[in-house]
Amino acid sequence: MADQDKAAVIEVLNLYGLALDAHRWDLFDRVFTEDVTAEFGPAGAAWTGLAEFKRSFAEFHLQLDSHQHTMMGHLVHIDGDTAYAFSYGNWLLVREAAEGGPSWSGTGWYDDELVRTDGGWRIRRRVCRLMAWSGNPLVPEPNAEHNPDMKTNVLREHSEAGKVAYLNAISAK
């Protein structure tokens, strides 16, 4: 059962990237809970509630000509009906009209808390942190709540400060 749960959680994490890049905001219903809390450092914003999160991400990503989000290195810890997941992400954003070049690439991590629902595993809390970036910082232009933050983060520092939920969950055992 634990392996099936881990596989199901990884499927949800990967579905996020596909849903985002395909602009299939309806698929976010299969990824997040209705009361999701999503804190995205690279966006310089946080949201509470799926409807607001979907609306804001749709508005921001419609400003881009293309984007690709790659999810990898998944680690999953199951604790009953709660799961903690940690994964790395690469993000490529393209906006042809951006002065200074059309692309921006970022890399970082996602630290997620998921819950088992009647519809399967869903992310209840997501923290996304930017580790490094290159390219044109004007590509991810501000839009509505999005105020792109190019501040980079060091995972070791977040770990030492006890700010990584996945590490806290596996350390508690």
N, C-alpha and C. Protein backbone atom coordinates (compact mmCIF):
# COMPACT_ATOMS: atom_id res chain seq x y z
N MET A 1 0.83 -1.20 0.00
CA MET A 1 0.00 0.00 0.00
C MET A 1 0.87 1.27 0.00
N ALA A 2 1.96 1.25 0.77
CA ALA A 2 2.81 2.44 0.84
C ALA A 2 3.41 2.77 -0.53
N ASP A 3 3.82 1.74 -1.27
CA ASP A 3 4.37 1.99 -2.60
C ASP A 3 3.32 2.56 -3.54
N GLN A 4 2.07 2.07 -3.45
CA GLN A 4 0.99 2.60 -4.27
C GLN A 4 0.70 4.05 -3.91
N ASP A 5 0.72 4.36 -2.62
CA ASP A 5 0.51 5.74 -2.19
C ASP A 5 1.62 6.65 -2.71
N LYS A 6 2.86 6.20 -2.60
CA LYS A 6 3.98 7.00 -3.08
C LYS A 6 3.87 7.24 -4.58
N ALA A 7 3.51 6.22 -5.33
CA ALA A 7 3.34 6.37 -6.78
C ALA A 7 2.21 7.35 -7.10
N ALA A 8 1.13 7.28 -6.33
CA ALA A 8 0.00 8.19 -6.55
C ALA A 8 0.39 9.63 -6.24
N VAL A 9 1.18 9.84 -5.19
CA VAL A 9 1.65 11.18 -4.85
C VAL A 9 2.55 11.72 -5.96
N ILE A 10 3.46 10.91 -6.45
CA ILE A 10 4.36 11.34 -7.53
C ILE A 10 3.56 11.69 -8.78
N GLU A 11 2.52 10.94 -9.06
CA GLU A 11 1.65 11.24 -10.20
C GLU A 11 1.03 12.63 -10.06
N VAL A 12 0.58 12.97 -8.86
CA VAL A 12 0.00 14.30 -8.60
C VAL A 12 1.05 15.38 -8.80
N LEU A 13 2.25 15.17 -8.29
CA LEU A 13 3.33 16.16 -8.43
C LEU A 13 3.65 16.40 -9.90
N ASN A 14 3.69 15.34 -10.68
CA ASN A 14 3.99 15.47 -12.11
C ASN A 14 2.83 16.08 -12.89
N LEU A 15 1.60 15.77 -12.48
CA LEU A 15 0.43 16.33 -13.16
C LEU A 15 0.42 17.85 -13.06
N TYR A 16 0.92 18.39 -11.97
CA TYR A 16 1.01 19.84 -11.80
C TYR A 16 1.73 20.49 -12.97
N GLY A 17 2.93 20.00 -13.31
CA GLY A 17 3.70 20.59 -14.41
C GLY A 17 2.96 20.52 -15.73
N LEU A 18 2.36 19.38 -16.02
CA LEU A 18 1.62 19.23 -17.27
C LEU A 18 0.41 20.15 -17.31
N ALA A 19 -0.35 20.19 -16.23
CA ALA A 19 -1.54 21.05 -16.16
C ALA A 19 -1.15 22.52 -16.35
N LEU A 20 -0.09 22.93 -15.70
CA LEU A 20 0.38 24.31 -15.80
C LEU A 20 0.80 24.65 -17.22
N ASP A 21 1.63 23.82 -17.82
CA ASP A 21 2.17 24.12 -19.14
C ASP A 21 1.11 24.02 -20.23
N ALA A 22 0.11 23.18 -20.02
CA ALA A 22 -0.98 23.04 -21.00
C ALA A 22 -2.11 24.04 -20.77
N HIS A 23 -1.99 24.83 -19.70
CA HIS A 23 -3.05 25.78 -19.31
C HIS A 23 -4.36 25.04 -19.08
N ARG A 24 -4.27 23.89 -18.47
CA ARG A 24 -5.44 23.09 -18.12
C ARG A 24 -5.72 23.30 -16.63
N TRP A 25 -6.25 24.47 -16.33
CA TRP A 25 -6.46 24.87 -14.93
C TRP A 25 -7.46 23.95 -14.24
N ASP A 26 -8.34 23.30 -15.01
CA ASP A 26 -9.27 22.34 -14.43
C ASP A 26 -8.54 21.17 -13.79
N LEU A 27 -7.35 20.83 -14.31
CA LEU A 27 -6.58 19.73 -13.73
C LEU A 27 -5.98 20.07 -12.37
N PHE A 28 -5.90 21.36 -12.05
CA PHE A 28 -5.45 21.74 -10.72
C PHE A 28 -6.38 21.17 -9.65
N ASP A 29 -7.64 20.89 -10.02
CA ASP A 29 -8.58 20.27 -9.10
C ASP A 29 -8.14 18.86 -8.71
N ARG A 30 -7.33 18.23 -9.54
CA ARG A 30 -6.80 16.89 -9.25
C ARG A 30 -5.45 16.96 -8.54
N VAL A 31 -4.92 18.16 -8.40
CA VAL A 31 -3.60 18.34 -7.80
C VAL A 31 -3.69 18.95 -6.40
N PHE A 32 -4.59 19.92 -6.21
CA PHE A 32 -4.65 20.69 -4.97
C PHE A 32 -6.01 20.54 -4.27
N THR A 33 -6.00 20.75 -2.94
CA THR A 33 -7.24 20.80 -2.18
C THR A 33 -7.90 22.16 -2.40
N GLU A 34 -9.17 22.25 -2.10
CA GLU A 34 -9.90 23.53 -2.23
C GLU A 34 -9.31 24.61 -1.34
N ASP A 35 -8.77 24.22 -0.19
CA ASP A 35 -8.23 25.18 0.77
C ASP A 35 -6.70 25.26 0.73
N VAL A 36 -6.12 24.94 -0.42
CA VAL A 36 -4.66 24.93 -0.55
C VAL A 36 -4.04 26.26 -0.12
N THR A 37 -2.88 26.15 0.49
CA THR A 37 -2.02 27.30 0.75
C THR A 37 -0.79 27.10 -0.12
N ALA A 38 -0.55 28.05 -1.00
CA ALA A 38 0.56 27.93 -1.95
C ALA A 38 1.44 29.17 -1.84
N GLU A 39 2.67 28.96 -1.42
CA GLU A 39 3.63 30.05 -1.26
C GLU A 39 4.74 29.86 -2.29
N PHE A 40 4.77 30.76 -3.26
CA PHE A 40 5.74 30.66 -4.35
C PHE A 40 6.73 31.81 -4.26
N GLY A 41 7.92 31.52 -3.74
CA GLY A 41 8.97 32.52 -3.66
C GLY A 41 9.28 33.17 -4.99
N PRO A 42 9.45 32.37 -6.08
CA PRO A 42 9.76 33.00 -7.37
C PRO A 42 8.68 33.95 -7.86
N ALA A 43 7.44 33.72 -7.47
CA ALA A 43 6.35 34.62 -7.87
C ALA A 43 6.24 35.81 -6.94
N GLY A 44 6.91 35.72 -5.79
CA GLY A 44 6.82 36.79 -4.81
C GLY A 44 5.42 36.91 -4.24
N ALA A 45 4.73 35.75 -4.12
CA ALA A 45 3.33 35.80 -3.68
C ALA A 45 2.93 34.48 -3.02
N ALA A 46 1.80 34.52 -2.33
CA ALA A 46 1.21 33.33 -1.72
C ALA A 46 -0.30 33.43 -1.88
N TRP A 47 -0.94 32.28 -1.96
CA TRP A 47 -2.39 32.22 -2.13
C TRP A 47 -2.98 31.24 -1.15
N THR A 48 -4.21 31.51 -0.74
CA THR A 48 -4.99 30.59 0.06
C THR A 48 -6.29 30.36 -0.70
N GLY A 49 -6.53 29.11 -1.03
CA GLY A 49 -7.73 28.75 -1.77
C GLY A 49 -7.43 28.46 -3.22
N LEU A 50 -8.00 27.37 -3.70
CA LEU A 50 -7.74 26.91 -5.05
C LEU A 50 -8.25 27.87 -6.12
N ALA A 51 -9.42 28.45 -5.92
CA ALA A 51 -9.98 29.34 -6.94
C ALA A 51 -9.07 30.53 -7.20
N GLU A 52 -8.58 31.16 -6.15
CA GLU A 52 -7.68 32.31 -6.30
C GLU A 52 -6.35 31.90 -6.91
N PHE A 53 -5.84 30.77 -6.48
CA PHE A 53 -4.57 30.26 -7.00
C PHE A 53 -4.68 30.01 -8.50
N LYS A 54 -5.73 29.31 -8.93
CA LYS A 54 -5.92 29.03 -10.36
C LYS A 54 -6.08 30.31 -11.16
N ARG A 55 -6.88 31.23 -10.67
CA ARG A 55 -7.11 32.49 -11.38
C ARG A 55 -5.80 33.25 -11.56
N SER A 56 -5.02 33.35 -10.51
CA SER A 56 -3.79 34.11 -10.56
C SER A 56 -2.75 33.45 -11.46
N PHE A 57 -2.61 32.14 -11.37
CA PHE A 57 -1.65 31.45 -12.22
C PHE A 57 -2.05 31.55 -13.69
N ALA A 58 -3.35 31.46 -13.96
CA ALA A 58 -3.82 31.61 -15.35
C ALA A 58 -3.47 33.00 -15.88
N GLU A 59 -3.74 34.04 -15.10
CA GLU A 59 -3.44 35.40 -15.53
C GLU A 59 -1.95 35.59 -15.81
N PHE A 60 -1.11 35.09 -14.92
CA PHE A 60 0.33 35.27 -15.08
C PHE A 60 0.84 34.51 -16.30
N HIS A 61 0.47 33.23 -16.41
CA HIS A 61 1.03 32.40 -17.46
C HIS A 61 0.49 32.74 -18.85
N LEU A 62 -0.66 33.41 -18.91
CA LEU A 62 -1.17 33.88 -20.20
C LEU A 62 -0.31 35.00 -20.77
N GLN A 63 0.49 35.65 -19.93
CA GLN A 63 1.39 36.72 -20.38
C GLN A 63 2.62 36.16 -21.09
N LEU A 64 2.84 34.86 -20.95
CA LEU A 64 4.01 34.22 -21.54
C LEU A 64 3.65 33.58 -22.87
N ASP A 65 4.63 33.47 -23.76
CA ASP A 65 4.40 32.78 -25.03
C ASP A 65 4.48 31.28 -24.86
N SER A 66 5.29 30.84 -23.91
CA SER A 66 5.45 29.42 -23.65
C SER A 66 6.16 29.25 -22.30
N HIS A 67 6.03 28.07 -21.74
CA HIS A 67 6.76 27.73 -20.52
C HIS A 67 6.79 26.23 -20.36
N GLN A 68 7.81 25.76 -19.63
CA GLN A 68 7.93 24.33 -19.35
C GLN A 68 8.41 24.16 -17.92
N HIS A 69 7.70 23.32 -17.18
CA HIS A 69 8.03 23.03 -15.79
C HIS A 69 8.36 21.54 -15.69
N THR A 70 9.56 21.24 -15.24
CA THR A 70 10.00 19.86 -15.11
C THR A 70 10.11 19.53 -13.63
N MET A 71 9.47 18.45 -13.22
CA MET A 71 9.48 18.00 -11.84
C MET A 71 10.36 16.75 -11.75
N MET A 72 11.22 16.67 -10.73
CA MET A 72 12.12 15.52 -10.64
C MET A 72 12.64 15.32 -9.22
N GLY A 73 13.29 14.18 -9.03
CA GLY A 73 13.93 13.88 -7.74
C GLY A 73 12.95 13.75 -6.60
N HIS A 74 11.80 13.17 -6.86
CA HIS A 74 10.73 13.09 -5.86
C HIS A 74 11.11 12.22 -4.66
N LEU A 75 10.84 12.76 -3.49
CA LEU A 75 10.94 12.02 -2.24
C LEU A 75 9.57 12.11 -1.57
N VAL A 76 9.05 10.98 -1.09
CA VAL A 76 7.71 10.95 -0.52
C VAL A 76 7.74 10.20 0.80
N HIS A 77 7.13 10.79 1.81
CA HIS A 77 6.96 10.15 3.13
C HIS A 77 5.47 10.09 3.43
N ILE A 78 4.95 8.89 3.62
CA ILE A 78 3.53 8.69 3.93
C ILE A 78 3.38 8.52 5.42
N ASP A 79 2.44 9.24 6.01
CA ASP A 79 2.12 9.13 7.43
C ASP A 79 0.60 9.08 7.56
N GLY A 80 0.03 7.89 7.39
CA GLY A 80 -1.43 7.74 7.44
C GLY A 80 -2.07 8.41 6.23
N ASP A 81 -2.95 9.37 6.51
CA ASP A 81 -3.64 10.09 5.43
C ASP A 81 -2.97 11.41 5.09
N THR A 82 -1.74 11.59 5.55
CA THR A 82 -0.94 12.77 5.22
C THR A 82 0.34 12.29 4.56
N ALA A 83 0.79 13.04 3.60
CA ALA A 83 2.06 12.72 2.94
C ALA A 83 2.88 14.00 2.85
N TYR A 84 4.18 13.83 2.89
CA TYR A 84 5.11 14.93 2.71
C TYR A 84 5.96 14.59 1.50
N ALA A 85 6.11 15.54 0.61
CA ALA A 85 6.89 15.30 -0.61
C ALA A 85 7.85 16.44 -0.83
N PHE A 86 9.00 16.09 -1.36
CA PHE A 86 10.02 17.07 -1.72
C PHE A 86 10.44 16.74 -3.14
N SER A 87 10.50 17.76 -3.99
CA SER A 87 10.95 17.54 -5.37
C SER A 87 11.66 18.78 -5.88
N TYR A 88 12.49 18.55 -6.87
CA TYR A 88 13.18 19.65 -7.52
C TYR A 88 12.42 20.05 -8.77
N GLY A 89 12.57 21.29 -9.19
CA GLY A 89 11.91 21.76 -10.39
C GLY A 89 12.83 22.63 -11.22
N ASN A 90 12.63 22.55 -12.52
CA ASN A 90 13.26 23.46 -13.48
C ASN A 90 12.14 24.17 -14.20
N TRP A 91 12.30 25.47 -14.42
CA TRP A 91 11.26 26.26 -15.06
C TRP A 91 11.88 27.08 -16.19
N LEU A 92 11.31 26.94 -17.36
CA LEU A 92 11.72 27.75 -18.50
C LEU A 92 10.52 28.60 -18.90
N LEU A 93 10.70 29.92 -18.88
CA LEU A 93 9.65 30.85 -19.26
C LEU A 93 10.10 31.59 -20.51
N VAL A 94 9.18 31.74 -21.48
CA VAL A 94 9.49 32.41 -22.74
C VAL A 94 8.46 33.51 -22.98
N ARG A 95 8.97 34.72 -23.19
CA ARG A 95 8.11 35.86 -23.57
C ARG A 95 8.88 36.65 -24.62
N GLU A 96 8.47 36.46 -25.86
CA GLU A 96 9.18 37.05 -27.00
C GLU A 96 9.28 38.57 -26.92
N ALA A 97 8.30 39.24 -26.33
CA ALA A 97 8.28 40.70 -26.28
C ALA A 97 9.17 41.29 -25.18
N ALA A 98 9.79 40.44 -24.37
CA ALA A 98 10.61 40.94 -23.26
C ALA A 98 11.87 41.62 -23.78
N GLU A 99 12.08 42.85 -23.37
CA GLU A 99 13.28 43.57 -23.76
C GLU A 99 14.49 42.91 -23.11
N GLY A 100 15.49 42.57 -23.91
CA GLY A 100 16.69 41.96 -23.37
C GLY A 100 16.79 40.47 -23.61
N GLY A 101 15.84 39.89 -24.29
CA GLY A 101 15.87 38.45 -24.59
C GLY A 101 14.60 37.76 -24.15
N PRO A 102 14.24 36.68 -24.83
CA PRO A 102 12.93 36.07 -24.61
C PRO A 102 12.85 34.99 -23.54
N SER A 103 13.96 34.59 -22.91
CA SER A 103 13.84 33.45 -22.00
C SER A 103 14.46 33.70 -20.63
N TRP A 104 13.88 33.01 -19.66
CA TRP A 104 14.36 33.00 -18.28
C TRP A 104 14.25 31.57 -17.80
N SER A 105 15.29 31.07 -17.16
CA SER A 105 15.29 29.71 -16.60
C SER A 105 15.56 29.79 -15.11
N GLY A 106 14.81 29.00 -14.38
CA GLY A 106 15.01 28.92 -12.94
C GLY A 106 15.05 27.48 -12.49
N THR A 107 15.64 27.27 -11.35
CA THR A 107 15.66 25.94 -10.73
C THR A 107 15.45 26.13 -9.24
N GLY A 108 14.81 25.18 -8.64
CA GLY A 108 14.54 25.27 -7.22
C GLY A 108 13.87 24.02 -6.71
N TRP A 109 13.08 24.18 -5.66
CA TRP A 109 12.44 23.01 -5.07
C TRP A 109 11.01 23.31 -4.62
N TYR A 110 10.26 22.21 -4.47
CA TYR A 110 8.90 22.23 -3.93
C TYR A 110 8.89 21.39 -2.66
N ASP A 111 8.28 21.90 -1.62
CA ASP A 111 8.13 21.20 -0.35
C ASP A 111 6.63 21.14 -0.10
N ASP A 112 6.04 19.94 -0.21
CA ASP A 112 4.59 19.79 -0.21
C ASP A 112 4.08 18.95 0.95
N GLU A 113 2.89 19.32 1.42
CA GLU A 113 2.12 18.48 2.33
C GLU A 113 0.85 18.10 1.59
N LEU A 114 0.58 16.81 1.53
CA LEU A 114 -0.60 16.32 0.82
C LEU A 114 -1.52 15.60 1.79
N VAL A 115 -2.77 15.51 1.42
CA VAL A 115 -3.76 14.75 2.20
C VAL A 115 -4.49 13.79 1.26
N ARG A 116 -4.90 12.67 1.85
CA ARG A 116 -5.69 11.69 1.11
C ARG A 116 -7.14 12.17 1.12
N THR A 117 -7.74 12.28 -0.05
CA THR A 117 -9.14 12.69 -0.17
C THR A 117 -9.91 11.57 -0.86
N ASP A 118 -11.22 11.72 -0.97
CA ASP A 118 -12.03 10.75 -1.69
C ASP A 118 -11.60 10.64 -3.15
N GLY A 119 -11.03 11.71 -3.70
CA GLY A 119 -10.57 11.72 -5.09
C GLY A 119 -9.11 11.35 -5.25
N GLY A 120 -8.43 11.01 -4.17
CA GLY A 120 -7.01 10.68 -4.23
C GLY A 120 -6.18 11.71 -3.48
N TRP A 121 -4.88 11.62 -3.62
CA TRP A 121 -3.97 12.54 -2.93
C TRP A 121 -4.05 13.93 -3.54
N ARG A 122 -4.04 14.95 -2.67
CA ARG A 122 -4.07 16.35 -3.12
C ARG A 122 -3.08 17.15 -2.27
N ILE A 123 -2.46 18.14 -2.90
CA ILE A 123 -1.54 19.03 -2.18
C ILE A 123 -2.37 20.03 -1.38
N ARG A 124 -2.13 20.07 -0.06
CA ARG A 124 -2.82 21.00 0.83
C ARG A 124 -1.94 22.23 1.10
N ARG A 125 -0.63 22.02 1.08
CA ARG A 125 0.30 23.11 1.35
C ARG A 125 1.51 22.94 0.45
N ARG A 126 1.84 23.99 -0.29
CA ARG A 126 3.01 23.94 -1.18
C ARG A 126 3.88 25.16 -0.92
N VAL A 127 5.17 24.92 -0.76
CA VAL A 127 6.16 25.97 -0.68
C VAL A 127 7.13 25.74 -1.83
N CYS A 128 7.35 26.77 -2.62
CA CYS A 128 8.27 26.70 -3.76
C CYS A 128 9.37 27.73 -3.53
N ARG A 129 10.60 27.30 -3.71
CA ARG A 129 11.74 28.19 -3.51
C ARG A 129 12.66 28.16 -4.73
N LEU A 130 13.15 29.31 -5.10
CA LEU A 130 14.09 29.47 -6.20
C LEU A 130 15.50 29.29 -5.67
N MET A 131 16.28 28.44 -6.34
CA MET A 131 17.67 28.23 -5.94
C MET A 131 18.63 29.01 -6.83
N ALA A 132 18.35 29.04 -8.13
CA ALA A 132 19.22 29.75 -9.07
C ALA A 132 18.41 30.09 -10.31
N TRP A 133 18.90 31.07 -11.06
CA TRP A 133 18.24 31.44 -12.31
C TRP A 133 19.26 32.01 -13.27
N SER A 134 18.87 32.03 -14.55
CA SER A 134 19.69 32.65 -15.58
C SER A 134 18.76 33.17 -16.67
N GLY A 135 19.29 34.02 -17.51
CA GLY A 135 18.49 34.58 -18.58
C GLY A 135 18.01 35.97 -18.25
N ASN A 136 16.94 36.36 -18.89
CA ASN A 136 16.41 37.71 -18.77
C ASN A 136 15.41 37.81 -17.62
N PRO A 137 15.72 38.55 -16.56
CA PRO A 137 14.79 38.66 -15.43
C PRO A 137 13.54 39.46 -15.75
N LEU A 138 13.46 40.07 -16.94
CA LEU A 138 12.26 40.80 -17.33
C LEU A 138 11.21 39.90 -17.97
N VAL A 139 11.57 38.65 -18.26
CA VAL A 139 10.59 37.73 -18.86
C VAL A 139 9.42 37.49 -17.91
N PRO A 140 9.66 37.12 -16.64
CA PRO A 140 8.53 36.95 -15.71
C PRO A 140 8.10 38.30 -15.13
N GLU A 141 7.41 39.08 -15.95
CA GLU A 141 7.03 40.44 -15.54
C GLU A 141 5.93 40.42 -14.48
N PRO A 142 5.89 41.43 -13.62
CA PRO A 142 4.83 41.51 -12.63
C PRO A 142 3.45 41.52 -13.28
N ASN A 143 2.51 40.84 -12.64
CA ASN A 143 1.14 40.79 -13.12
C ASN A 143 0.23 40.45 -11.95
N ALA A 144 -0.70 41.33 -11.65
CA ALA A 144 -1.63 41.13 -10.53
C ALA A 144 -0.84 40.85 -9.26
N GLU A 145 -1.08 39.70 -8.62
CA GLU A 145 -0.39 39.38 -7.35
C GLU A 145 1.06 38.97 -7.56
N HIS A 146 1.41 38.59 -8.78
CA HIS A 146 2.76 38.11 -9.05
C HIS A 146 3.72 39.30 -9.10
N ASN A 147 4.70 39.24 -8.24
CA ASN A 147 5.74 40.25 -8.20
C ASN A 147 7.06 39.48 -8.17
N PRO A 148 7.52 39.01 -9.34
CA PRO A 148 8.66 38.10 -9.40
C PRO A 148 9.82 38.50 -8.49
N ASP A 149 10.29 37.51 -7.74
CA ASP A 149 11.35 37.70 -6.77
C ASP A 149 12.53 36.83 -7.21
N MET A 150 13.64 37.45 -7.56
CA MET A 150 14.80 36.72 -8.04
C MET A 150 15.76 36.35 -6.90
N LYS A 151 15.30 36.51 -5.66
CA LYS A 151 16.14 36.13 -4.52
C LYS A 151 16.34 34.62 -4.52
N THR A 152 17.59 34.21 -4.45
CA THR A 152 17.87 32.78 -4.45
C THR A 152 17.95 32.25 -3.02
N ASN A 153 17.71 30.97 -2.89
CA ASN A 153 17.65 30.31 -1.59
C ASN A 153 18.66 29.16 -1.56
N VAL A 154 19.16 28.88 -0.36
CA VAL A 154 20.08 27.77 -0.15
C VAL A 154 19.34 26.73 0.69
N LEU A 155 19.18 25.54 0.13
CA LEU A 155 18.43 24.48 0.82
C LEU A 155 19.01 24.18 2.19
N ARG A 156 20.32 24.12 2.29
CA ARG A 156 20.96 23.84 3.58
C ARG A 156 20.49 24.82 4.66
N GLU A 157 20.39 26.09 4.30
CA GLU A 157 19.96 27.10 5.28
C GLU A 157 18.51 26.89 5.69
N HIS A 158 17.65 26.54 4.74
CA HIS A 158 16.24 26.26 5.08
C HIS A 158 16.15 25.01 5.96
N SER A 159 16.97 24.02 5.68
CA SER A 159 17.00 22.80 6.48
C SER A 159 17.45 23.10 7.91
N GLU A 160 18.54 23.84 8.04
CA GLU A 160 19.06 24.18 9.37
C GLU A 160 18.08 25.01 10.18
N ALA A 161 17.25 25.81 9.50
CA ALA A 161 16.25 26.63 10.18
C ALA A 161 14.95 25.87 10.44
N GLY A 162 14.90 24.59 10.06
CA GLY A 162 13.69 23.78 10.28
C GLY A 162 12.53 24.16 9.38
N LYS A 163 12.82 24.70 8.20
CA LYS A 163 11.78 25.20 7.31
C LYS A 163 11.43 24.25 6.17
N VAL A 164 11.89 23.01 6.22
CA VAL A 164 11.58 22.04 5.17
C VAL A 164 10.69 20.96 5.78
N ALA A 165 9.40 21.01 5.46
CA ALA A 165 8.41 20.11 6.07
C ALA A 165 8.75 18.65 5.83
N TYR A 166 9.23 18.31 4.64
CA TYR A 166 9.58 16.92 4.35
C TYR A 166 10.67 16.44 5.30
N LEU A 167 11.72 17.22 5.45
CA LEU A 167 12.81 16.83 6.36
C LEU A 167 12.34 16.75 7.80
N ASN A 168 11.46 17.67 8.20
CA ASN A 168 10.91 17.61 9.55
C ASN A 168 10.11 16.33 9.76
N ALA A 169 9.34 15.93 8.74
CA ALA A 169 8.51 14.73 8.84
C ALA A 169 9.36 13.47 8.97
N ILE A 170 10.44 13.36 8.18
CA ILE A 170 11.24 12.14 8.26
C ILE A 170 12.15 12.15 9.48
N SER A 171 12.44 13.32 10.02
CA SER A 171 13.28 13.42 11.22
C SER A 171 12.50 13.08 12.47
N ALA A 172 11.19 13.22 12.42
CA ALA A 172 10.34 12.96 13.59
C ALA A 172 10.22 11.48 13.87
N LYS A 173 10.57 10.65 12.91
CA LYS A 173 10.43 9.18 13.09
C LYS A 173 11.64 8.60 13.75
